[in-house]
Amino acid sequence: GFQDRFFKLALALGGETANLCGSFSTMISLDGLRLKELPRSFKLAHSARSETIIVEVSRVATQEQFPNLKWQYNPVNYEVVFDVAPPEGTTIQISYDESF
């Protein structure tokens, strides 16, 4: 039936086939897969006076705040860099005075 066509296509394309009713875990390789990495650095539009930078991380839907996230300002690249990426789904708001 139709499953035979999938096996033939996989073999024609140089792929492999496995019987899902049997032990096929040895046929699966997770090499090369990466977990999603959230960004840790956020570029500012201009250079900032570091003493004026205010960083707020929140989840708008639940109004949850994340005040304890550690970060540094990298004046060479105009970036705020967190030690650990802010949680997925959060909003990062950065306000600052430009340096002249």
Protein backbone atom coordinates (compact mmCIF):
# COMPACT_ATOMS: atom_id res chain seq x y z
CA GLY A 1 0.00 0.00 0.00
CA PHE A 2 0.92 3.60 0.56
CA GLN A 3 3.59 2.83 3.19
CA ASP A 4 5.60 0.94 0.59
CA ARG A 5 5.89 4.18 -1.42
CA PHE A 6 7.40 5.99 1.59
CA PHE A 7 9.97 3.23 2.07
CA LYS A 8 10.91 3.33 -1.63
CA LEU A 9 11.18 7.13 -1.56
CA ALA A 10 13.39 7.07 1.57
CA LEU A 11 15.70 4.50 0.01
CA ALA A 12 15.80 6.38 -3.33
CA LEU A 13 16.87 9.55 -1.50
CA GLY A 14 19.58 7.75 0.44
CA GLY A 15 17.61 7.68 3.68
CA GLU A 16 16.95 4.83 6.03
CA THR A 17 13.77 3.10 7.08
CA ALA A 18 12.73 1.47 10.33
CA ASN A 19 9.80 -0.52 11.59
CA LEU A 20 7.97 1.61 14.16
CA CYS A 21 6.51 -1.53 15.73
CA GLY A 22 10.02 -2.80 16.48
CA SER A 23 12.99 -1.32 18.33
CA PHE A 24 14.01 1.62 16.18
CA SER A 25 15.71 3.81 18.80
CA THR A 26 19.13 2.72 17.51
CA MET A 27 18.20 4.27 14.14
CA ILE A 28 17.65 7.75 15.66
CA SER A 29 20.59 10.10 16.06
CA LEU A 30 20.31 13.40 17.87
CA ASP A 31 23.87 14.42 16.94
CA GLY A 32 23.95 17.95 15.61
CA LEU A 33 20.65 18.98 17.16
CA ARG A 34 20.79 21.99 19.43
CA LEU A 35 18.37 23.25 21.96
CA LYS A 36 16.95 26.69 21.38
CA GLU A 37 19.25 29.27 22.91
CA LEU A 38 17.69 32.50 24.05
CA PRO A 39 19.67 35.72 23.53
CA ARG A 40 21.67 37.10 26.43
CA SER A 41 22.81 40.37 24.85
CA PHE A 42 20.74 43.29 23.61
CA LYS A 43 22.21 46.09 21.53
CA LEU A 44 21.35 49.68 22.34
CA ALA A 45 20.79 52.26 19.62
CA HIS A 46 23.44 54.61 21.07
CA SER A 47 26.24 54.56 23.60
CA ALA A 48 24.91 54.98 27.12
CA ARG A 49 26.09 56.52 30.34
CA SER A 50 26.26 53.31 32.35
CA GLU A 51 25.06 54.92 35.58
CA THR A 52 21.75 55.85 33.89
CA ILE A 53 20.86 52.41 32.52
CA ILE A 54 17.65 50.90 33.88
CA VAL A 55 16.77 47.35 32.81
CA GLU A 56 13.33 45.89 33.45
CA VAL A 57 12.42 42.31 32.56
CA SER A 58 8.77 41.30 32.85
CA ARG A 59 6.17 38.96 31.51
CA VAL A 60 3.43 41.35 30.40
CA ALA A 61 0.56 38.82 30.37
CA THR A 62 1.01 37.91 34.05
CA GLN A 63 2.73 41.14 35.18
CA GLU A 64 5.51 38.99 36.63
CA GLN A 65 8.76 40.88 37.24
CA PHE A 66 12.32 39.48 37.13
CA PRO A 67 14.33 42.04 39.16
CA ASN A 68 17.17 39.71 40.16
CA LEU A 69 18.61 39.02 36.71
CA LYS A 70 22.26 40.09 36.66
CA TRP A 71 23.56 42.08 33.70
CA GLN A 72 26.50 44.24 32.62
CA TYR A 73 26.85 47.04 30.11
CA ASN A 74 29.41 46.54 27.35
CA PRO A 75 30.32 50.09 26.22
CA VAL A 76 32.40 48.85 23.27
CA ASN A 77 29.39 47.27 21.54
CA TYR A 78 26.62 49.32 23.23
CA GLU A 79 25.12 46.10 24.61
CA VAL A 80 23.41 45.04 27.80
CA VAL A 81 24.57 41.48 28.48
CA PHE A 82 22.77 39.23 30.96
CA ASP A 83 24.63 36.54 32.92
CA VAL A 84 21.72 34.20 32.16
CA ALA A 85 19.24 34.71 29.32
CA PRO A 86 15.92 36.21 30.42
CA PRO A 87 13.08 33.67 30.41
CA GLU A 88 11.28 32.99 27.14
CA GLY A 89 8.22 35.17 26.62
CA THR A 90 9.50 38.09 28.66
CA THR A 91 9.83 41.71 27.62
CA ILE A 92 13.14 43.49 28.17
CA GLN A 93 12.82 47.24 28.53
CA ILE A 94 16.03 49.26 28.68
CA SER A 95 16.10 53.01 29.29
CA TYR A 96 19.23 55.16 29.50
CA ASP A 97 20.74 58.55 28.83
CA GLU A 98 23.05 58.75 25.85
CA SER A 99 26.71 59.47 26.45
CA PHE A 100 28.20 62.32 24.49
